[in-house]
Protein backbone atom coordinates (compact mmCIF):
# COMPACT_ATOMS: atom_id res chain seq x y z
CA MET A 1 31.64 -79.26 36.78
CA MET A 2 31.41 -76.00 39.31
CA SER A 3 32.11 -72.62 37.78
CA LYS A 4 34.25 -70.91 39.04
CA PRO A 5 33.49 -67.57 41.77
CA PRO A 6 32.99 -64.39 40.28
CA LEU A 7 36.30 -61.90 41.47
CA VAL A 8 36.11 -58.19 41.49
CA CYS A 9 39.18 -56.89 43.16
CA LEU A 10 42.65 -58.24 43.17
CA ASP A 11 42.65 -59.50 47.11
CA ASP A 12 40.00 -62.12 45.47
CA TYR A 13 42.60 -63.73 43.61
CA GLU A 14 44.80 -63.82 46.09
CA GLU A 15 42.28 -65.73 48.55
CA TYR A 16 41.54 -68.26 45.34
CA ALA A 17 45.38 -68.77 45.41
CA ARG A 18 45.86 -69.13 48.81
CA ASN A 19 42.80 -71.77 48.74
CA HIS A 20 43.72 -73.50 45.78
CA LEU A 21 47.83 -73.71 46.05
CA ASP A 22 49.86 -76.20 48.00
CA LYS A 23 51.39 -74.18 51.24
CA ALA A 24 54.92 -74.04 49.99
CA THR A 25 53.86 -72.25 46.35
CA MET A 26 51.82 -70.01 47.93
CA ALA A 27 54.31 -68.99 50.70
CA TYR A 28 56.93 -68.40 47.95
CA TYR A 29 54.80 -66.10 46.04
CA SER A 30 53.43 -64.37 49.01
CA THR A 31 55.97 -63.94 51.70
CA GLY A 32 58.61 -61.40 52.50
CA ALA A 33 61.79 -60.79 54.19
CA ASP A 34 62.22 -61.06 58.19
CA GLU A 35 59.10 -59.73 60.23
CA GLU A 36 57.34 -58.98 56.94
CA ILE A 37 57.13 -55.10 57.93
CA THR A 38 58.42 -53.82 54.74
CA LEU A 39 56.12 -55.84 53.02
CA ARG A 40 53.10 -54.96 54.81
CA GLU A 41 54.00 -51.02 54.93
CA ASN A 42 54.18 -51.71 50.79
CA ARG A 43 50.02 -51.50 50.99
CA GLU A 44 49.19 -49.76 54.27
CA ALA A 45 51.32 -46.78 52.61
CA PHE A 46 49.10 -46.47 50.37
CA GLN A 47 46.23 -46.45 52.80
CA ARG A 48 48.33 -43.22 54.48
CA ILE A 49 47.75 -41.47 51.04
CA LYS A 50 44.32 -39.80 50.79
CA LEU A 51 43.03 -38.34 47.39
CA ARG A 52 42.01 -34.64 46.78
CA PRO A 53 39.81 -34.99 43.87
CA ARG A 54 38.65 -31.91 42.16
CA VAL A 55 34.51 -31.48 40.80
CA LEU A 56 32.56 -30.22 38.06
CA ARG A 57 35.38 -31.27 35.27
CA ASP A 58 34.28 -32.43 31.84
CA VAL A 59 35.21 -36.43 32.24
CA SER A 60 32.98 -37.60 29.95
CA HIS A 61 35.81 -39.16 27.63
CA ARG A 62 38.58 -40.05 29.29
CA THR A 63 42.07 -41.82 28.08
CA LEU A 64 44.12 -43.81 29.89
CA SER A 65 47.21 -43.94 26.83
CA THR A 66 50.60 -43.40 27.47
CA SER A 67 54.37 -44.43 26.69
CA ILE A 68 57.46 -46.03 28.38
CA LEU A 69 60.71 -45.80 27.25
CA GLY A 70 58.76 -44.21 23.69
CA CYS A 71 56.83 -47.33 23.28
CA PRO A 72 53.28 -46.84 23.47
CA LEU A 73 50.57 -48.55 26.28
CA ASP A 74 46.87 -48.52 26.37
CA PHE A 75 47.26 -47.81 29.96
CA PRO A 76 50.16 -47.25 32.82
CA ILE A 77 50.30 -50.59 34.42
CA CYS A 78 52.77 -53.21 33.60
CA ILE A 79 53.66 -56.96 34.35
CA ALA A 80 56.84 -56.46 37.12
CA PRO A 81 59.11 -59.50 36.87
CA THR A 82 57.99 -62.33 39.19
CA ALA A 83 59.87 -66.10 39.22
CA PHE A 84 58.31 -69.29 38.22
CA HIS A 85 55.01 -68.59 36.19
CA GLY A 86 54.91 -72.44 35.74
CA MET A 87 53.72 -72.89 39.41
CA ALA A 88 50.87 -70.61 38.94
CA CYS A 89 49.36 -72.46 35.42
CA ALA A 90 50.56 -74.61 33.30
CA GLU A 91 51.52 -72.86 30.18
CA GLY A 92 53.43 -70.55 32.90
CA GLU A 93 54.97 -67.21 30.87
CA ILE A 94 53.49 -67.70 28.06
CA ALA A 95 50.34 -67.74 29.45
CA THR A 96 51.50 -64.07 31.05
CA ILE A 97 52.41 -62.92 27.67
CA LYS A 98 49.42 -63.31 26.21
CA ALA A 99 47.49 -61.60 28.87
CA ALA A 100 49.92 -58.46 27.79
CA ASN A 101 49.06 -58.83 24.36
CA LEU A 102 45.07 -59.16 25.08
CA MET A 103 46.09 -55.65 27.46
CA ASN A 104 48.12 -53.97 24.83
CA THR A 105 50.71 -53.45 27.68
CA CYS A 106 54.34 -54.61 29.17
CA MET A 107 55.73 -57.72 30.91
CA VAL A 108 59.01 -57.81 32.31
CA MET A 109 60.01 -61.43 31.90
CA SER A 110 62.55 -62.55 34.71
CA THR A 111 65.48 -64.64 34.57
CA TYR A 112 63.73 -66.88 37.29
CA SER A 113 61.50 -68.07 34.49
CA ASN A 114 60.05 -71.55 33.66
CA ARG A 115 59.90 -70.67 29.91
CA THR A 116 62.60 -69.61 27.68
CA LEU A 117 63.16 -66.18 26.18
CA GLU A 118 62.48 -67.75 22.39
CA GLU A 119 59.05 -69.67 23.85
CA VAL A 120 58.09 -65.97 25.44
CA SER A 121 58.77 -64.15 22.44
CA GLN A 122 57.07 -66.45 19.94
CA ALA A 123 53.81 -66.75 21.70
CA ALA A 124 53.17 -62.54 20.92
CA PRO A 125 56.07 -61.54 19.05
CA ASP A 126 54.42 -58.04 18.81
CA THR A 127 53.85 -57.68 22.20
CA LEU A 128 55.90 -54.97 24.45
CA ARG A 129 58.38 -57.13 26.63
CA TRP A 130 61.60 -56.19 28.59
CA PHE A 131 63.76 -58.85 30.32
CA GLN A 132 65.14 -58.64 33.98
CA VAL A 133 68.51 -59.68 34.35
CA TYR A 134 70.96 -60.17 37.64
CA LEU A 135 74.62 -60.30 37.06
CA TRP A 136 75.94 -63.58 37.98
CA LYS A 137 79.66 -63.76 38.32
CA ASP A 138 82.03 -64.39 35.25
CA GLN A 139 79.82 -62.86 33.13
CA MET A 140 77.70 -65.66 32.78
CA SER A 141 74.44 -63.12 32.35
CA GLU A 142 75.99 -62.08 28.78
CA PRO A 143 74.77 -64.93 26.67
CA LEU A 144 71.08 -63.96 28.31
CA VAL A 145 71.70 -60.28 27.46
CA ARG A 146 72.25 -61.51 23.67
CA ARG A 147 69.61 -63.93 23.59
CA ALA A 148 67.13 -61.23 24.92
CA GLU A 149 67.88 -58.66 22.64
CA LYS A 150 67.75 -61.39 19.40
CA ALA A 151 64.51 -62.32 20.68
CA GLY A 152 62.89 -58.94 20.43
CA PHE A 153 63.09 -57.68 23.78
CA THR A 154 63.53 -53.64 23.84
CA ALA A 155 65.11 -53.32 27.33
CA ILE A 156 67.35 -54.92 29.90
CA VAL A 157 66.06 -54.36 33.52
CA LEU A 158 68.79 -55.15 35.94
CA THR A 159 67.89 -55.50 39.58
CA VAL A 160 70.57 -53.76 41.21
CA ASP A 161 69.15 -54.92 45.43
CA VAL A 162 70.03 -58.42 45.57
CA PRO A 163 74.11 -58.95 46.29
CA VAL A 164 72.74 -61.32 48.04
CA VAL A 165 69.44 -62.70 49.21
CA GLY A 166 67.71 -61.53 51.97
CA LYS A 167 66.50 -63.98 55.19
CA ARG A 168 62.82 -65.43 54.82
CA ARG A 169 62.22 -67.13 57.86
CA ILE A 170 59.71 -69.33 56.00
CA ASP A 171 62.23 -70.87 54.15
CA GLN A 172 63.57 -71.63 57.51
CA TYR A 173 60.66 -73.00 58.63
CA THR A 174 59.93 -75.11 56.01
CA GLY A 175 63.98 -75.95 55.15
CA GLY A 176 64.07 -73.79 52.17
CA PHE A 177 62.37 -73.22 48.89
CA ARG A 178 62.85 -76.13 46.19
CA LEU A 179 61.53 -75.93 42.62
CA PRO A 180 58.90 -78.60 41.80
CA SER A 181 60.52 -81.59 40.00
CA HIS A 182 58.80 -81.10 37.01
CA LEU A 183 59.65 -77.62 36.30
CA LYS A 184 63.11 -76.20 35.35
CA LEU A 185 65.18 -72.42 35.59
CA ALA A 186 64.82 -72.13 31.49
CA HIS A 187 67.71 -69.92 31.83
CA LEU A 188 70.56 -71.63 34.43
CA PRO A 189 74.04 -71.75 32.57
CA THR A 190 74.74 -75.51 31.45
CA GLU A 191 77.96 -75.59 34.02
CA TYR A 192 74.69 -75.29 36.62
CA GLN A 193 72.24 -77.77 35.51
CA ASP A 194 72.82 -80.79 38.09
CA ASP A 195 69.79 -80.98 40.18
CA LYS A 196 71.77 -81.17 43.33
CA VAL A 197 73.63 -77.76 42.76
CA ALA A 198 70.43 -75.86 41.14
CA LYS A 199 67.86 -75.91 43.74
CA LYS A 200 69.95 -74.56 46.59
CA ASP A 201 69.19 -70.70 46.45
CA TYR A 202 65.66 -70.41 44.93
CA GLY A 203 66.65 -72.61 41.77
CA ALA A 204 69.76 -71.60 41.66
CA PRO A 205 73.02 -71.71 43.04
CA ALA A 206 73.66 -68.71 45.83
CA ASP A 207 77.88 -68.93 44.33
CA MET A 208 76.12 -67.46 40.91
CA LYS A 209 75.63 -64.06 42.45
CA ASP A 210 78.51 -61.43 42.40
CA ASN A 211 78.36 -59.38 45.22
CA SER A 212 80.83 -57.32 44.09
CA LEU A 213 79.61 -55.45 41.57
CA THR A 214 79.37 -51.62 41.57
CA TRP A 215 77.84 -48.65 39.56
CA HIS A 216 80.80 -49.38 37.08
CA CYS A 217 79.22 -52.67 36.15
CA LEU A 218 76.42 -50.65 34.15
CA SER A 219 79.05 -49.83 31.57
CA TRP A 220 79.79 -53.25 30.51
CA LEU A 221 76.57 -53.97 30.70
CA ARG A 222 76.02 -50.94 27.85
CA SER A 223 79.16 -52.32 25.60
CA ILE A 224 77.10 -55.91 24.83
CA THR A 225 73.63 -54.43 23.96
CA LYS A 226 72.06 -51.70 22.68
CA LEU A 227 68.93 -52.03 24.78
CA PRO A 228 67.91 -48.96 26.96
CA ILE A 229 68.84 -50.37 30.84
CA VAL A 230 66.23 -50.35 33.47
CA LEU A 231 67.47 -50.18 36.87
CA LYS A 232 64.69 -51.75 39.49
CA GLY A 233 65.61 -51.69 43.25
CA ILE A 234 65.96 -47.96 43.97
CA LEU A 235 64.45 -46.30 46.99
CA THR A 236 66.88 -43.22 47.61
CA ALA A 237 67.65 -39.88 46.39
CA GLU A 238 71.33 -40.67 45.94
CA ASP A 239 70.99 -43.63 43.70
CA ALA A 240 68.70 -42.14 41.76
CA LEU A 241 71.32 -39.20 41.13
CA LEU A 242 73.83 -42.07 40.58
CA ALA A 243 71.26 -43.99 38.32
CA VAL A 244 71.55 -40.50 36.36
CA GLN A 245 74.80 -39.87 36.19
CA TYR A 246 75.93 -43.79 34.78
CA LYS A 247 73.04 -43.20 32.26
CA ALA A 248 70.57 -45.49 33.33
CA ASP A 249 67.92 -44.80 30.93
CA ALA A 250 64.77 -45.20 33.56
CA ILE A 251 64.48 -46.56 37.27
CA ILE A 252 61.90 -48.68 39.00
CA VAL A 253 61.31 -47.80 42.66
CA SER A 254 61.25 -51.02 44.41
CA ASN A 255 61.97 -53.19 47.24
CA HIS A 256 62.14 -55.83 46.05
CA GLY A 257 57.97 -56.41 47.23
CA GLY A 258 59.44 -56.66 50.91
CA ARG A 259 61.63 -59.57 49.88
CA GLN A 260 64.80 -58.63 50.33
CA LEU A 261 65.65 -55.95 53.44
CA ASP A 262 63.00 -55.79 55.94
CA THR A 263 62.03 -51.75 57.34
CA VAL A 264 63.29 -50.29 54.67
CA GLN A 265 60.54 -47.46 52.87
CA ALA A 266 57.53 -48.72 51.28
CA SER A 267 58.20 -47.72 47.46
CA ILE A 268 55.59 -45.37 47.14
CA ASP A 269 57.04 -43.51 50.42
CA ALA A 270 60.42 -43.73 48.80
CA LEU A 271 58.91 -42.36 45.13
CA PRO A 272 58.99 -38.56 45.71
CA GLU A 273 62.38 -38.31 46.58
CA VAL A 274 63.77 -40.33 43.80
CA VAL A 275 61.74 -38.36 41.45
CA LYS A 276 62.27 -34.84 42.80
CA ALA A 277 66.15 -35.99 42.36
CA VAL A 278 66.11 -37.15 38.50
CA ASN A 279 63.91 -33.94 37.79
CA GLY A 280 62.65 -35.92 34.39
CA ARG A 281 65.89 -36.73 33.06
CA ILE A 282 64.81 -39.95 33.15
CA GLU A 283 61.42 -42.00 33.40
CA VAL A 284 60.57 -43.37 37.18
CA TYR A 285 58.14 -45.89 37.55
CA ILE A 286 57.41 -47.75 40.70
CA ASP A 287 55.95 -51.48 41.47
CA GLY A 288 55.06 -52.53 45.00
CA GLY A 289 51.97 -53.16 47.55
CA ILE A 290 49.43 -51.83 44.01
CA ARG A 291 46.32 -53.67 44.74
CA THR A 292 43.41 -50.92 43.30
CA GLY A 293 42.82 -48.66 40.68
CA THR A 294 43.24 -45.68 43.62
CA ASP A 295 46.54 -46.97 44.26
CA VAL A 296 47.48 -46.68 40.38
CA PHE A 297 46.39 -42.99 40.64
CA LYS A 298 48.41 -42.05 43.78
CA ALA A 299 52.02 -43.14 42.23
CA LEU A 300 51.05 -41.02 39.37
CA ALA A 301 49.99 -38.26 41.47
CA LEU A 302 53.24 -38.76 42.76
CA GLY A 303 55.34 -38.94 39.62
CA ALA A 304 55.18 -42.42 38.30
CA LYS A 305 54.91 -42.62 35.00
CA ALA A 306 53.73 -46.20 34.98
CA VAL A 307 53.35 -48.81 37.60
CA PHE A 308 54.34 -52.42 37.91
CA ILE A 309 52.62 -55.23 39.72
CA GLY A 310 53.48 -58.71 40.44
CA ARG A 311 52.20 -61.02 42.75
CA PRO A 312 48.47 -60.00 41.39
CA ILE A 313 49.42 -61.56 37.85
CA LEU A 314 50.60 -64.72 39.58
CA TYR A 315 47.41 -65.04 41.31
CA GLY A 316 45.38 -64.35 38.34
CA LEU A 317 47.50 -67.08 36.63
CA VAL A 318 46.09 -69.39 39.21
CA TYR A 319 42.58 -68.21 38.73
CA SER A 320 42.41 -68.94 35.23
CA GLY A 321 45.90 -68.87 33.07
CA THR A 322 45.97 -66.33 30.69
CA GLU A 323 42.00 -65.00 31.13
CA GLY A 324 42.73 -64.24 34.89
CA ALA A 325 45.77 -62.38 34.64
CA ARG A 326 43.90 -60.30 31.86
CA GLN A 327 41.12 -59.80 34.17
CA VAL A 328 43.68 -58.70 36.84
CA LEU A 329 44.91 -56.33 34.30
CA GLN A 330 41.22 -55.03 33.27
CA ILE A 331 40.08 -54.88 36.92
CA LEU A 332 42.90 -52.43 37.25
CA LYS A 333 42.84 -50.45 33.85
CA ASP A 334 38.69 -50.02 35.20
CA GLU A 335 39.41 -48.69 38.89
CA LEU A 336 41.57 -46.58 37.44
CA SER A 337 39.46 -44.83 34.74
CA LEU A 338 37.09 -44.93 37.51
CA ALA A 339 39.34 -43.03 40.30
CA MET A 340 40.01 -40.09 37.21
CA ALA A 341 36.79 -39.68 36.50
CA LEU A 342 35.75 -39.27 40.25
CA SER A 343 38.91 -37.08 40.92
CA GLY A 344 38.23 -34.81 37.83
CA CYS A 345 40.65 -36.26 35.62
CA ALA A 346 40.07 -36.71 31.88
CA SER A 347 43.69 -37.88 31.12
CA LEU A 348 46.38 -39.35 32.63
CA MET A 349 48.32 -35.37 32.41
CA ASP A 350 45.37 -34.23 34.68
CA ILE A 351 46.88 -35.99 37.52
CA THR A 352 49.25 -34.17 39.44
CA THR A 353 50.43 -33.71 43.41
CA SER A 354 47.47 -31.80 43.92
CA HIS A 355 45.16 -34.54 43.66
CA VAL A 356 46.99 -36.52 46.81
CA LEU A 357 47.39 -35.45 50.75
CA GLN A 358 50.39 -37.64 52.24
CA GLN A 359 50.39 -38.54 55.95
CA HIS A 360 53.99 -37.94 56.81
CA THR A 361 55.25 -40.60 59.28
CA PRO A 362 58.64 -40.86 60.34
CA ARG A 363 60.75 -43.04 58.53
CA LEU A 364 61.10 -46.37 59.61
């Protein structure tokens, strides 16, 4: 049996996945909306930000520890919600939560998962885990929220940027995504379990989504759970202020990995205005385009409390299940520590906006 090639950076894991997954699965994981301008911008925007290192600082002992919503983490890199981990490895989301446990970080589990909330909780009961939800029509999401709270999840992450699904051209070229027959959408309501219905819209019926939602939906969500509510998909100061007004507990600055509205700003470009708007009243996190330790450093310098990574975890699962996902997290952790040392920072508190130089470009 041939040994697997040594992988040294997150791009290596993507290349491995591209060479080992079938084309349909890789396309589902990797592609974006329309011309994929935002998909590319998510990475290119990080490259435009330059570092301003300080020298002759004592960095002999570095600490990367932090907390999110009061829960301690060993380092500020968490696992973003992504769908269908069962297409990446046999254990699916169970492998992912085990990797989070090994690295003492947080996993956000997607509603669009192949394993149930309860299975994931049982696999790593002491691991920090949040649950991502969409608010479906007719309050169909309520049982899921209640199950998440009962299963020991400690926050609800409400995705707010999908009133409808963005146009992903690969689906039109290939006739649409179909969840492999051996997998299921574990949290689909019983009335939608029929296969002819369940595979029309990324594994779930298109008519389940409620595109009439307004900010008042947060009041309803708060009425059914005591858990903190994190809003995922905020890109503007205006919406950040509304998130504060409607008492969200935290924000994830996100453009859904470039999979929804093409030509919106890269997440890292939107981060400063969101941070400025909330002015420390709630925590701000970010996902989208993070592939290196210097990317993490830049996000922290611009005000993010932590970062979340999605696709790289999937590619790690393809490489070697739990161990592959753990390796992805370890590489980013080590690269962040290195970037801190070379920038003169012994702790996360030392990282400030003075460490970065943004090369401003016109808004898209």
